[in-house]
Amino acid sequence: MTTRPKRKVTYSLPEGLVNDIAQVVSEGAAPSYSAFVEEALTDAVKSARERALGRAFADAASDPVFLDDIETAMDDFRYADSETEGSGS
């Protein structure tokens, strides 16, 4: 497994959160503070991207131009799909 290059950064966090991180790392939640923070931030980035994608899907689902385009595409492929029905393809 290859590791991506690392860059040292500095953030200010509430003291209580730093203490909580220290406690869970000492309990074995991660091999180090950096590993714990990296995992937490990776999860947060993934979650933020999933929320943004969900908003984009919701916007598309209520966009009449997009919905018309989808319906047109479905109509265009309806004949092609019916040709392959039951052919085992």
N, C-alpha and C. Protein backbone atom coordinates (compact mmCIF):
# COMPACT_ATOMS: atom_id res chain seq x y z
N MET A 1 0.84 -1.18 0.00
CA MET A 1 0.00 0.00 0.00
C MET A 1 0.88 1.24 0.00
N THR A 2 0.64 2.12 -0.97
CA THR A 2 1.44 3.34 -1.04
C THR A 2 0.76 4.43 -0.22
N THR A 3 1.58 5.26 0.36
CA THR A 3 1.03 6.38 1.12
C THR A 3 1.19 7.65 0.30
N ARG A 4 0.23 8.52 0.44
CA ARG A 4 0.29 9.79 -0.26
C ARG A 4 1.24 10.72 0.49
N PRO A 5 1.87 11.65 -0.23
CA PRO A 5 2.76 12.60 0.45
C PRO A 5 2.00 13.36 1.53
N LYS A 6 2.69 13.65 2.60
CA LYS A 6 2.08 14.37 3.73
C LYS A 6 2.59 15.81 3.75
N ARG A 7 1.75 16.69 4.27
CA ARG A 7 2.14 18.09 4.46
C ARG A 7 1.72 18.50 5.85
N LYS A 8 2.62 19.12 6.57
CA LYS A 8 2.34 19.55 7.94
C LYS A 8 1.49 20.82 7.91
N VAL A 9 0.39 20.81 8.68
CA VAL A 9 -0.49 21.97 8.78
C VAL A 9 -0.80 22.20 10.25
N THR A 10 -1.25 23.40 10.54
CA THR A 10 -1.59 23.75 11.91
C THR A 10 -3.02 24.26 11.96
N TYR A 11 -3.80 23.74 12.91
CA TYR A 11 -5.17 24.18 13.13
C TYR A 11 -5.36 24.46 14.60
N SER A 12 -6.27 25.34 14.89
CA SER A 12 -6.65 25.60 16.28
C SER A 12 -7.94 24.84 16.56
N LEU A 13 -7.92 24.07 17.62
CA LEU A 13 -9.08 23.28 18.02
C LEU A 13 -9.42 23.58 19.47
N PRO A 14 -10.69 23.42 19.84
CA PRO A 14 -11.04 23.62 21.24
C PRO A 14 -10.26 22.65 22.13
N GLU A 15 -9.84 23.14 23.27
CA GLU A 15 -9.01 22.33 24.17
C GLU A 15 -9.70 21.03 24.56
N GLY A 16 -11.01 21.08 24.79
CA GLY A 16 -11.74 19.87 25.16
C GLY A 16 -11.69 18.82 24.06
N LEU A 17 -11.75 19.26 22.81
CA LEU A 17 -11.67 18.33 21.69
C LEU A 17 -10.28 17.71 21.61
N VAL A 18 -9.26 18.51 21.81
CA VAL A 18 -7.89 17.99 21.82
C VAL A 18 -7.74 16.93 22.91
N ASN A 19 -8.30 17.21 24.08
CA ASN A 19 -8.25 16.25 25.19
C ASN A 19 -9.00 14.97 24.84
N ASP A 20 -10.16 15.12 24.20
CA ASP A 20 -10.93 13.94 23.79
C ASP A 20 -10.16 13.10 22.78
N ILE A 21 -9.50 13.76 21.83
CA ILE A 21 -8.68 13.05 20.83
C ILE A 21 -7.56 12.30 21.54
N ALA A 22 -6.89 12.97 22.45
CA ALA A 22 -5.80 12.33 23.19
C ALA A 22 -6.30 11.09 23.92
N GLN A 23 -7.47 11.19 24.51
CA GLN A 23 -8.02 10.06 25.27
C GLN A 23 -8.33 8.88 24.35
N VAL A 24 -9.03 9.14 23.23
CA VAL A 24 -9.40 8.01 22.36
C VAL A 24 -8.19 7.42 21.66
N VAL A 25 -7.19 8.24 21.36
CA VAL A 25 -5.95 7.70 20.77
C VAL A 25 -5.24 6.83 21.80
N SER A 26 -5.20 7.28 23.04
CA SER A 26 -4.55 6.47 24.07
C SER A 26 -5.30 5.16 24.33
N GLU A 27 -6.60 5.15 24.01
CA GLU A 27 -7.41 3.93 24.16
C GLU A 27 -7.32 3.03 22.93
N GLY A 28 -6.53 3.46 21.94
CA GLY A 28 -6.30 2.61 20.78
C GLY A 28 -7.15 2.91 19.55
N ALA A 29 -7.86 4.03 19.53
CA ALA A 29 -8.71 4.36 18.38
C ALA A 29 -7.89 4.59 17.12
N ALA A 30 -6.64 4.96 17.27
CA ALA A 30 -5.75 5.20 16.14
C ALA A 30 -4.32 5.12 16.65
N PRO A 31 -3.37 4.87 15.75
CA PRO A 31 -1.98 4.76 16.20
C PRO A 31 -1.35 6.09 16.62
N SER A 32 -1.96 7.21 16.20
CA SER A 32 -1.40 8.52 16.54
C SER A 32 -2.47 9.59 16.42
N TYR A 33 -2.17 10.77 16.95
CA TYR A 33 -3.07 11.91 16.78
C TYR A 33 -3.28 12.18 15.30
N SER A 34 -2.19 12.24 14.56
CA SER A 34 -2.28 12.56 13.13
C SER A 34 -3.14 11.54 12.39
N ALA A 35 -2.97 10.27 12.70
CA ALA A 35 -3.77 9.24 12.03
C ALA A 35 -5.25 9.41 12.37
N PHE A 36 -5.54 9.73 13.62
CA PHE A 36 -6.93 9.91 14.02
C PHE A 36 -7.55 11.11 13.31
N VAL A 37 -6.84 12.22 13.29
CA VAL A 37 -7.35 13.44 12.65
C VAL A 37 -7.48 13.21 11.14
N GLU A 38 -6.51 12.53 10.54
CA GLU A 38 -6.58 12.25 9.10
C GLU A 38 -7.83 11.43 8.77
N GLU A 39 -8.09 10.41 9.56
CA GLU A 39 -9.27 9.57 9.32
C GLU A 39 -10.56 10.37 9.50
N ALA A 40 -10.60 11.18 10.55
CA ALA A 40 -11.80 11.99 10.81
C ALA A 40 -12.04 12.99 9.68
N LEU A 41 -10.98 13.63 9.22
CA LEU A 41 -11.14 14.61 8.15
C LEU A 41 -11.47 13.94 6.82
N THR A 42 -10.90 12.78 6.57
CA THR A 42 -11.23 12.02 5.35
C THR A 42 -12.72 11.68 5.36
N ASP A 43 -13.23 11.22 6.50
CA ASP A 43 -14.66 10.91 6.62
C ASP A 43 -15.51 12.17 6.42
N ALA A 44 -15.07 13.29 6.98
CA ALA A 44 -15.83 14.54 6.87
C ALA A 44 -15.87 15.03 5.42
N VAL A 45 -14.75 14.91 4.71
CA VAL A 45 -14.70 15.32 3.30
C VAL A 45 -15.64 14.44 2.47
N LYS A 46 -15.58 13.14 2.70
CA LYS A 46 -16.46 12.21 1.97
C LYS A 46 -17.93 12.55 2.24
N SER A 47 -18.26 12.81 3.49
CA SER A 47 -19.63 13.14 3.86
C SER A 47 -20.08 14.45 3.21
N ALA A 48 -19.22 15.45 3.20
CA ALA A 48 -19.55 16.74 2.58
C ALA A 48 -19.79 16.57 1.08
N ARG A 49 -18.97 15.75 0.44
CA ARG A 49 -19.15 15.50 -1.00
C ARG A 49 -20.44 14.75 -1.27
N GLU A 50 -20.78 13.79 -0.42
CA GLU A 50 -22.03 13.04 -0.58
C GLU A 50 -23.24 13.96 -0.40
N ARG A 51 -23.17 14.88 0.57
CA ARG A 51 -24.27 15.83 0.77
C ARG A 51 -24.41 16.75 -0.45
N ALA A 52 -23.29 17.21 -1.00
CA ALA A 52 -23.33 18.07 -2.18
C ALA A 52 -23.93 17.31 -3.37
N LEU A 53 -23.56 16.05 -3.53
CA LEU A 53 -24.11 15.25 -4.61
C LEU A 53 -25.62 15.05 -4.41
N GLY A 54 -26.03 14.81 -3.18
CA GLY A 54 -27.45 14.67 -2.87
C GLY A 54 -28.23 15.93 -3.22
N ARG A 55 -27.66 17.09 -2.91
CA ARG A 55 -28.31 18.36 -3.25
C ARG A 55 -28.40 18.51 -4.77
N ALA A 56 -27.34 18.11 -5.48
CA ALA A 56 -27.35 18.21 -6.94
C ALA A 56 -28.42 17.30 -7.53
N PHE A 57 -28.56 16.08 -6.99
CA PHE A 57 -29.61 15.17 -7.46
C PHE A 57 -31.00 15.75 -7.16
N ALA A 58 -31.17 16.33 -5.99
CA ALA A 58 -32.46 16.92 -5.63
C ALA A 58 -32.79 18.08 -6.56
N ASP A 59 -31.79 18.90 -6.85
CA ASP A 59 -32.00 20.02 -7.78
C ASP A 59 -32.38 19.51 -9.16
N ALA A 60 -31.68 18.48 -9.63
CA ALA A 60 -31.97 17.93 -10.95
C ALA A 60 -33.37 17.33 -11.00
N ALA A 61 -33.78 16.70 -9.91
CA ALA A 61 -35.10 16.06 -9.86
C ALA A 61 -36.24 17.06 -9.93
N SER A 62 -35.95 18.32 -9.67
CA SER A 62 -37.00 19.34 -9.74
C SER A 62 -36.76 20.33 -10.88
N ASP A 63 -35.82 20.01 -11.77
CA ASP A 63 -35.51 20.88 -12.91
C ASP A 63 -36.27 20.39 -14.14
N PRO A 64 -37.27 21.15 -14.59
CA PRO A 64 -38.09 20.68 -15.71
C PRO A 64 -37.29 20.46 -17.00
N VAL A 65 -36.29 21.26 -17.26
CA VAL A 65 -35.48 21.08 -18.47
C VAL A 65 -34.71 19.77 -18.39
N PHE A 66 -34.13 19.49 -17.24
CA PHE A 66 -33.40 18.23 -17.05
C PHE A 66 -34.35 17.04 -17.18
N LEU A 67 -35.52 17.13 -16.55
CA LEU A 67 -36.49 16.04 -16.61
C LEU A 67 -36.98 15.81 -18.04
N ASP A 68 -37.19 16.88 -18.79
CA ASP A 68 -37.57 16.72 -20.20
C ASP A 68 -36.45 16.04 -20.99
N ASP A 69 -35.22 16.41 -20.72
CA ASP A 69 -34.08 15.80 -21.40
C ASP A 69 -34.00 14.31 -21.09
N ILE A 70 -34.22 13.94 -19.85
CA ILE A 70 -34.21 12.53 -19.45
C ILE A 70 -35.32 11.77 -20.17
N GLU A 71 -36.51 12.38 -20.20
CA GLU A 71 -37.64 11.72 -20.88
C GLU A 71 -37.34 11.53 -22.37
N THR A 72 -36.72 12.52 -22.99
CA THR A 72 -36.35 12.40 -24.40
C THR A 72 -35.34 11.26 -24.60
N ALA A 73 -34.36 11.18 -23.72
CA ALA A 73 -33.37 10.10 -23.82
C ALA A 73 -34.02 8.74 -23.62
N MET A 74 -34.94 8.66 -22.67
CA MET A 74 -35.65 7.39 -22.44
C MET A 74 -36.45 6.99 -23.68
N ASP A 75 -37.11 7.96 -24.30
CA ASP A 75 -37.87 7.68 -25.53
C ASP A 75 -36.94 7.22 -26.66
N ASP A 76 -35.78 7.86 -26.75
CA ASP A 76 -34.81 7.50 -27.80
C ASP A 76 -34.33 6.06 -27.67
N PHE A 77 -34.20 5.58 -26.45
CA PHE A 77 -33.68 4.23 -26.22
C PHE A 77 -34.77 3.17 -26.07
N ARG A 78 -36.02 3.59 -25.97
CA ARG A 78 -37.11 2.64 -25.78
C ARG A 78 -37.14 1.60 -26.90
N TYR A 79 -36.98 2.02 -28.16
CA TYR A 79 -37.00 1.10 -29.29
C TYR A 79 -35.79 0.16 -29.23
N ALA A 80 -34.61 0.72 -28.98
CA ALA A 80 -33.40 -0.11 -28.90
C ALA A 80 -33.51 -1.14 -27.79
N ASP A 81 -34.07 -0.74 -26.65
CA ASP A 81 -34.24 -1.67 -25.54
C ASP A 81 -35.21 -2.79 -25.90
N SER A 82 -36.26 -2.46 -26.64
CA SER A 82 -37.25 -3.48 -26.99
C SER A 82 -36.67 -4.48 -27.98
N GLU A 83 -35.68 -4.08 -28.78
CA GLU A 83 -35.04 -5.00 -29.72
C GLU A 83 -34.27 -6.10 -29.02
N THR A 84 -33.71 -5.79 -27.85
CA THR A 84 -32.88 -6.76 -27.15
C THR A 84 -33.65 -7.56 -26.11
N GLU A 85 -34.91 -7.21 -25.86
CA GLU A 85 -35.72 -7.94 -24.89
C GLU A 85 -35.82 -9.40 -25.28
N GLY A 86 -35.52 -10.27 -24.32
CA GLY A 86 -35.64 -11.70 -24.54
C GLY A 86 -34.56 -12.31 -25.40
N SER A 87 -33.56 -11.51 -25.80
CA SER A 87 -32.50 -12.06 -26.64
C SER A 87 -31.37 -12.66 -25.82
N GLY A 88 -31.45 -12.52 -24.49
CA GLY A 88 -30.40 -13.05 -23.62
C GLY A 88 -29.19 -12.15 -23.54
N SER A 89 -29.23 -10.99 -24.16
CA SER A 89 -28.10 -10.04 -24.14
C SER A 89 -28.15 -9.17 -22.93
